[in-house]
C-alpha atoms as a PDB file:
ATOM      1  CA  MET A   1     158.754 152.293 -32.933  1.00  0.00           C
ATOM      2  CA  SER A   2     155.342 152.122 -34.233  1.00  0.00           C
ATOM      3  CA  ASP A   3     156.078 155.069 -36.491  1.00  0.00           C
ATOM      4  CA  ARG A   4     159.015 153.236 -38.013  1.00  0.00           C
ATOM      5  CA  LEU A   5     156.886 150.107 -38.614  1.00  0.00           C
ATOM      6  CA  LYS A   6     154.207 152.177 -40.208  1.00  0.00           C
ATOM      7  CA  GLN A   7     156.679 153.929 -42.449  1.00  0.00           C
ATOM      8  CA  PHE A   8     158.235 150.574 -43.435  1.00  0.00           C
ATOM      9  CA  ILE A   9     154.828 149.154 -44.411  1.00  0.00           C
ATOM     10  CA  ASP A  10     153.955 152.271 -46.416  1.00  0.00           C
ATOM     11  CA  ASN A  11     157.299 152.202 -48.273  1.00  0.00           C
ATOM     12  CA  ASN A  12     157.040 148.508 -49.147  1.00  0.00           C
ATOM     13  CA  ARG A  13     153.270 148.249 -49.791  1.00  0.00           C
ATOM     14  CA  ASN A  14     153.693 147.225 -53.428  1.00  0.00           C
ATOM     15  CA  ASP A  15     156.008 144.374 -52.480  1.00  0.00           C
ATOM     16  CA  PHE A  16     153.598 143.133 -49.806  1.00  0.00           C
ATOM     17  CA  ASP A  17     150.598 143.172 -52.169  1.00  0.00           C
ATOM     18  CA  ALA A  18     152.440 141.438 -55.016  1.00  0.00           C
ATOM     19  CA  ALA A  19     153.869 138.523 -53.030  1.00  0.00           C
ATOM     20  CA  ALA A  20     151.619 135.775 -51.576  1.00  0.00           C
ATOM     21  CA  PRO A  21     152.638 133.588 -48.623  1.00  0.00           C
ATOM     22  CA  GLY A  22     153.543 129.979 -49.352  1.00  0.00           C
ATOM     23  CA  PRO A  23     151.331 127.000 -48.524  1.00  0.00           C
ATOM     24  CA  LYS A  24     153.442 126.152 -45.478  1.00  0.00           C
ATOM     25  CA  VAL A  25     152.601 129.482 -43.882  1.00  0.00           C
ATOM     26  CA  LEU A  26     148.873 128.844 -44.293  1.00  0.00           C
ATOM     27  CA  GLN A  27     149.153 125.341 -42.796  1.00  0.00           C
ATOM     28  CA  GLN A  28     151.107 126.653 -39.825  1.00  0.00           C
ATOM     29  CA  LEU A  29     148.478 129.329 -39.220  1.00  0.00           C
ATOM     30  CA  LYS A  30     145.674 126.735 -39.334  1.00  0.00           C
ATOM     31  CA  LYS A  31     147.531 124.518 -36.861  1.00  0.00           C
ATOM     32  CA  GLN A  32     148.056 127.441 -34.516  1.00  0.00           C
ATOM     33  CA  LEU A  33     144.380 128.353 -34.736  1.00  0.00           C
ATOM     34  CA  GLY A  34     143.382 124.735 -34.019  1.00  0.00           C
ATOM     35  CA  GLN A  35     141.840 123.940 -37.363  1.00  0.00           C
ATOM     36  CA  GLY A  36     144.556 121.611 -38.582  1.00  0.00           C
ATOM     37  CA  ASN A  37     144.335 119.837 -41.872  1.00  0.00           C
ATOM     38  CA  VAL A  38     140.860 118.364 -41.203  1.00  0.00           C
ATOM     39  CA  ALA A  39     138.629 117.987 -44.210  1.00  0.00           C
ATOM     40  CA  LYS A  40     134.859 117.823 -43.568  1.00  0.00           C
ATOM     41  CA  LYS A  41     133.192 114.540 -44.419  1.00  0.00           C
ATOM     42  CA  PRO A  42     129.894 114.630 -46.227  1.00  0.00           C
ATOM     43  CA  PHE A  43     126.880 113.417 -44.199  1.00  0.00           C
ATOM     44  CA  GLN A  44     126.509 109.646 -44.462  1.00  0.00           C
ATOM     45  CA  PHE A  45     123.430 107.579 -43.619  1.00  0.00           C
ATOM     46  CA  GLY A  46     124.190 104.878 -41.099  1.00  0.00           C
ATOM     47  CA  PHE A  47     122.089 101.885 -40.135  1.00  0.00           C
ATOM     48  CA  MET A  48     120.191 103.800 -37.439  1.00  0.00           C
ATOM     49  CA  HIS A  49     119.286 106.584 -39.854  1.00  0.00           C
ATOM     50  CA  TRP A  50     117.914 104.092 -42.375  1.00  0.00           C
ATOM     51  CA  ALA A  51     116.003 102.198 -39.667  1.00  0.00           C
ATOM     52  CA  ALA A  52     114.463 105.428 -38.368  1.00  0.00           C
ATOM     53  CA  MET A  53     113.411 106.479 -41.870  1.00  0.00           C
ATOM     54  CA  ILE A  54     111.851 103.085 -42.630  1.00  0.00           C
ATOM     55  CA  THR A  55     110.002 103.073 -39.295  1.00  0.00           C
ATOM     56  CA  GLY A  56     108.660 106.548 -40.012  1.00  0.00           C
ATOM     57  CA  VAL A  57     107.421 105.497 -43.446  1.00  0.00           C
ATOM     58  CA  ILE A  58     105.684 102.428 -41.992  1.00  0.00           C
ATOM     59  CA  ILE A  59     103.964 104.433 -39.246  1.00  0.00           C
ATOM     60  CA  LEU A  60     102.905 107.092 -41.715  1.00  0.00           C
ATOM     61  CA  SER A  61     101.489 104.409 -44.033  1.00  0.00           C
ATOM     62  CA  ILE A  62      99.470 102.854 -41.213  1.00  0.00           C
ATOM     63  CA  VAL A  63      98.081 106.215 -40.105  1.00  0.00           C
ATOM     64  CA  LEU A  64      97.126 107.125 -43.650  1.00  0.00           C
ATOM     65  CA  TYR A  65      95.494 103.743 -44.233  1.00  0.00           C
ATOM     66  CA  TYR A  66      93.300 103.960 -41.142  1.00  0.00           C
ATOM     67  CA  SER A  67      92.479 107.625 -41.598  1.00  0.00           C
ATOM     68  CA  THR A  68      91.357 107.127 -45.202  1.00  0.00           C
ATOM     69  CA  ASN A  69      89.412 103.910 -44.586  1.00  0.00           C
ATOM     70  CA  LYS A  70      87.917 104.974 -41.233  1.00  0.00           C
ATOM     71  CA  VAL A  71      87.186 101.419 -40.192  1.00  0.00           C
ATOM     72  CA  ASN A  72      84.353 101.486 -37.675  1.00  0.00           C
ATOM     73  CA  VAL A  73      84.369  98.685 -35.143  1.00  0.00           C
ATOM     74  CA  ARG A  74      80.601  98.830 -34.709  1.00  0.00           C
ATOM     75  CA  GLU A  75      80.094  98.199 -38.403  1.00  0.00           C
ATOM     76  CA  THR A  76      81.933  94.915 -38.149  1.00  0.00           C
ATOM     77  CA  VAL A  77      79.554  93.702 -35.435  1.00  0.00           C
ATOM     78  CA  LYS A  78      76.333  92.450 -36.971  1.00  0.00           C
ATOM     79  CA  GLU A  79      73.302  94.323 -35.769  1.00  0.00           C
ATOM     80  CA  THR A  80      70.008  92.667 -35.087  1.00  0.00           C
ATOM     81  CA  PRO A  81      67.003  93.650 -37.186  1.00  0.00           C
ATOM     82  CA  GLN A  82      65.519  95.251 -34.073  1.00  0.00           C
ATOM     83  CA  GLN A  83      68.567  97.515 -33.687  1.00  0.00           C
ATOM     84  CA  ILE A  84      68.473  98.477 -37.368  1.00  0.00           C
ATOM     85  CA  GLU A  85      64.773  99.321 -37.064  1.00  0.00           C
ATOM     86  CA  GLU A  86      65.363 101.433 -33.968  1.00  0.00           C
ATOM     87  CA  LYS A  87      68.185 103.360 -35.631  1.00  0.00           C
ATOM     88  CA  ALA A  88      65.812 104.174 -38.467  1.00  0.00           C
ATOM     89  CA  ILE A  89      63.168 105.355 -35.994  1.00  0.00           C
ATOM     90  CA  VAL A  90      65.591 107.242 -33.754  1.00  0.00           C
ATOM     91  CA  ALA A  91      67.190 109.736 -36.099  1.00  0.00           C
ATOM     92  CA  ASP A  92      69.282 111.479 -33.418  1.00  0.00           C
ATOM     93  CA  PRO A  93      72.637 109.657 -33.134  1.00  0.00           C
ATOM     94  CA  VAL A  94      73.135 110.647 -29.475  1.00  0.00           C
ATOM     95  CA  TYR A  95      69.879 108.989 -28.451  1.00  0.00           C
ATOM     96  CA  ALA A  96      70.541 106.048 -30.752  1.00  0.00           C
ATOM     97  CA  ASN A  97      73.956 105.450 -29.156  1.00  0.00           C
ATOM     98  CA  GLN A  98      72.481 105.589 -25.649  1.00  0.00           C
ATOM     99  CA  ILE A  99      69.713 103.178 -26.600  1.00  0.00           C
ATOM    100  CA  ASP A 100      72.231 100.793 -28.197  1.00  0.00           C
ATOM    101  CA  HIS A 101      74.403 100.923 -25.097  1.00  0.00           C
ATOM    102  CA  TYR A 102      71.565 100.089 -22.724  1.00  0.00           C
ATOM    103  CA  GLN A 103      70.184  97.375 -24.975  1.00  0.00           C
ATOM    104  CA  GLU A 104      73.607  95.742 -25.135  1.00  0.00           C
ATOM    105  CA  LEU A 105      73.920  95.927 -21.362  1.00  0.00           C
ATOM    106  CA  ILE A 106      70.428  94.534 -20.844  1.00  0.00           C
ATOM    107  CA  GLY A 107      71.140  91.692 -23.263  1.00  0.00           C
ATOM    108  CA  LEU A 108      74.233  90.708 -21.276  1.00  0.00           C
ATOM    109  CA  GLN A 109      72.338  90.919 -18.002  1.00  0.00           C
ATOM    110  CA  ARG A 110      69.475  88.817 -19.367  1.00  0.00           C
ATOM    111  CA  THR A 111      71.825  86.060 -20.483  1.00  0.00           C
ATOM    112  CA  GLU A 112      73.340  86.094 -16.988  1.00  0.00           C
ATOM    113  CA  LEU A 113      69.832  85.855 -15.506  1.00  0.00           C
ATOM    114  CA  GLN A 114      68.902  82.951 -17.790  1.00  0.00           C
ATOM    115  CA  LYS A 115      71.685  80.880 -16.242  1.00  0.00           C
ATOM    116  CA  VAL A 116      69.579  80.744 -13.061  1.00  0.00           C
ATOM    117  CA  GLU A 117      66.495  79.395 -14.816  1.00  0.00           C
ATOM    118  CA  LYS A 118      67.505  75.749 -14.349  1.00  0.00           C
ATOM    119  CA  GLU A 119      68.502  76.120 -10.705  1.00  0.00           C
ATOM    120  CA  GLN A 120      65.566  78.241  -9.527  1.00  0.00           C
ATOM    121  CA  PRO A 121      62.789  78.288 -12.124  1.00  0.00           C
ATOM    122  CA  GLU A 122      60.203  80.013  -9.895  1.00  0.00           C
ATOM    123  CA  LEU A 123      62.506  82.881  -9.040  1.00  0.00           C
ATOM    124  CA  TYR A 124      63.480  83.202 -12.689  1.00  0.00           C
ATOM    125  CA  ARG A 125      59.824  83.412 -13.797  1.00  0.00           C
ATOM    126  CA  GLN A 126      59.125  86.125 -11.240  1.00  0.00           C
ATOM    127  CA  PHE A 127      62.169  88.141 -12.306  1.00  0.00           C
ATOM    128  CA  ALA A 128      61.358  87.621 -15.993  1.00  0.00           C
ATOM    129  CA  SER A 129      57.792  88.875 -15.530  1.00  0.00           C
ATOM    130  CA  ASP A 130      59.072  92.075 -13.882  1.00  0.00           C
ATOM    131  CA  ILE A 131      61.467  92.693 -16.767  1.00  0.00           C
ATOM    132  CA  ASN A 132      58.783  91.854 -19.345  1.00  0.00           C
ATOM    133  CA  GLN A 133      56.501  94.521 -17.873  1.00  0.00           C
ATOM    134  CA  LEU A 134      59.169  97.165 -18.324  1.00  0.00           C
ATOM    135  CA  ASP A 135      59.986  95.808 -21.762  1.00  0.00           C
ATOM    136  CA  SER A 136      56.361  95.990 -22.892  1.00  0.00           C
ATOM    137  CA  ALA A 137      56.215  99.615 -21.705  1.00  0.00           C
ATOM    138  CA  TYR A 138      59.353 100.270 -23.747  1.00  0.00           C
ATOM    139  CA  ARG A 139      57.756  98.755 -26.852  1.00  0.00           C
ATOM    140  CA  VAL A 140      54.685 100.964 -26.408  1.00  0.00           C
ATOM    141  CA  LEU A 141      56.914 104.031 -26.194  1.00  0.00           C
ATOM    142  CA  LYS A 142      58.750 102.908 -29.320  1.00  0.00           C
ATOM    143  CA  THR A 143      55.540 102.457 -31.342  1.00  0.00           C
ATOM    144  CA  THR A 144      54.217 105.874 -30.325  1.00  0.00           C
ATOM    145  CA  LEU A 145      57.547 107.494 -31.200  1.00  0.00           C
ATOM    146  CA  THR A 146      56.889 107.536 -34.951  1.00  0.00           C
ATOM    147  CA  ASN A 147      53.558 109.386 -34.619  1.00  0.00           C
ATOM    148  CA  ASN A 148      54.388 111.740 -31.755  1.00  0.00           C
ATOM    149  CA  PRO A 149      55.571 115.294 -32.487  1.00  0.00           C
ATOM    150  CA  ASN A 150      57.479 115.498 -29.189  1.00  0.00           C
ATOM    151  CA  ARG A 151      60.094 112.897 -30.085  1.00  0.00           C
ATOM    152  CA  GLU A 152      62.724 114.158 -27.664  1.00  0.00           C
ATOM    153  CA  MET A 153      60.520 113.591 -24.629  1.00  0.00           C
ATOM    154  CA  LEU A 154      59.636 110.076 -25.796  1.00  0.00           C
ATOM    155  CA  LEU A 155      63.275 109.246 -26.521  1.00  0.00           C
ATOM    156  CA  GLU A 156      64.230 110.356 -23.021  1.00  0.00           C
ATOM    157  CA  ALA A 157      61.405 108.214 -21.615  1.00  0.00           C
ATOM    158  CA  MET A 158      62.649 105.243 -23.646  1.00  0.00           C
ATOM    159  CA  ILE A 159      66.174 105.723 -22.335  1.00  0.00           C
ATOM    160  CA  SER A 160      64.956 106.045 -18.753  1.00  0.00           C
ATOM    161  CA  ASN A 161      62.924 102.834 -19.239  1.00  0.00           C
ATOM    162  CA  LEU A 162      66.063 101.058 -20.438  1.00  0.00           C
ATOM    163  CA  GLN A 163      67.938 102.429 -17.414  1.00  0.00           C
ATOM    164  CA  LEU A 164      65.207 101.051 -15.153  1.00  0.00           C
ATOM    165  CA  GLN A 165      65.435  97.669 -16.852  1.00  0.00           C
ATOM    166  CA  SER A 166      69.191  97.626 -16.384  1.00  0.00           C
ATOM    167  CA  ASP A 167      68.916  98.656 -12.725  1.00  0.00           C
ATOM    168  CA  LEU A 168      66.242  96.019 -12.085  1.00  0.00           C
ATOM    169  CA  LEU A 169      68.371  93.330 -13.721  1.00  0.00           C
ATOM    170  CA  ASN A 170      71.350  94.409 -11.597  1.00  0.00           C
ATOM    171  CA  ARG A 171      69.272  94.099  -8.429  1.00  0.00           C
ATOM    172  CA  GLN A 172      67.954  90.719  -9.506  1.00  0.00           C
ATOM    173  CA  LEU A 173      71.468  89.479 -10.219  1.00  0.00           C
ATOM    174  CA  LEU A 174      72.594  90.723  -6.801  1.00  0.00           C
ATOM    175  CA  ILE A 175      69.696  88.864  -5.153  1.00  0.00           C
ATOM    176  CA  ILE A 176      70.664  85.686  -6.999  1.00  0.00           C
ATOM    177  CA  LYS A 177      74.272  86.138  -5.915  1.00  0.00           C
ATOM    178  CA  GLU A 178      73.219  86.544  -2.265  1.00  0.00           C
ATOM    179  CA  ILE A 179      70.997  83.460  -2.472  1.00  0.00           C
ATOM    180  CA  LYS A 180      73.889  81.440  -3.900  1.00  0.00           C
ATOM    181  CA  GLN A 181      76.224  82.665  -1.169  1.00  0.00           C
ATOM    182  CA  LYS A 182      73.695  81.792   1.550  1.00  0.00           C
ATOM    183  CA  SER A 183      73.128  78.336   0.090  1.00  0.00           C
ATOM    184  CA  LYS A 184      76.895  77.734  -0.037  1.00  0.00           C
ATOM    185  CA  ALA A 185      77.253  78.906   3.552  1.00  0.00           C
ATOM    186  CA  HIS A 186      74.330  76.671   4.599  1.00  0.00           C
ATOM    187  CA  GLU A 187      75.916  73.691   2.813  1.00  0.00           C
ATOM    188  CA  LYS A 188      79.245  74.308   4.560  1.00  0.00           C
ATOM    189  CA  SER A 189      77.618  74.579   7.983  1.00  0.00           C
ATOM    190  CA  SER A 190      75.601  71.378   7.463  1.00  0.00           C
ATOM    191  CA  VAL A 191      78.726  69.422   6.556  1.00  0.00           C
END
């Protein structure tokens, strides 16, 4: 049978090549193959696509704005003349940042300590004199820094002095806290 089919196709080749199937045959083949008469829709932007694009543009704009302006938070905070002078003296930014950090911390601790001055003036004077001794040693180190060739050693000594000041202030604040707690406990027991 296959030989007869082959011979039939060979004999009628010209007729097969000349005639084209009708459009109904093509549609039936598409339906049988599962393609149907479906035309592809071009891609359309919906609300979510537009919202995502706008959000992306806004985020990109913000990132570009901050990366080009490089707004530094420390620049917005006004520095004291003492801090400006020390930054000029201390050329190394690592040391300068450490010194700034400790000076900020010490300033906060000193304001906390000054709150006790009215309640216990004698204790405050004693604590203040201890801190002033360390502070005067710090000032001596700072004045010798400009003339000394071994700046790194002096900068490390200045930082360790500031650490000592901060530690001393912490201890003093803890002592004040304990005294306040004892006085509150004594007041409660007397009542």
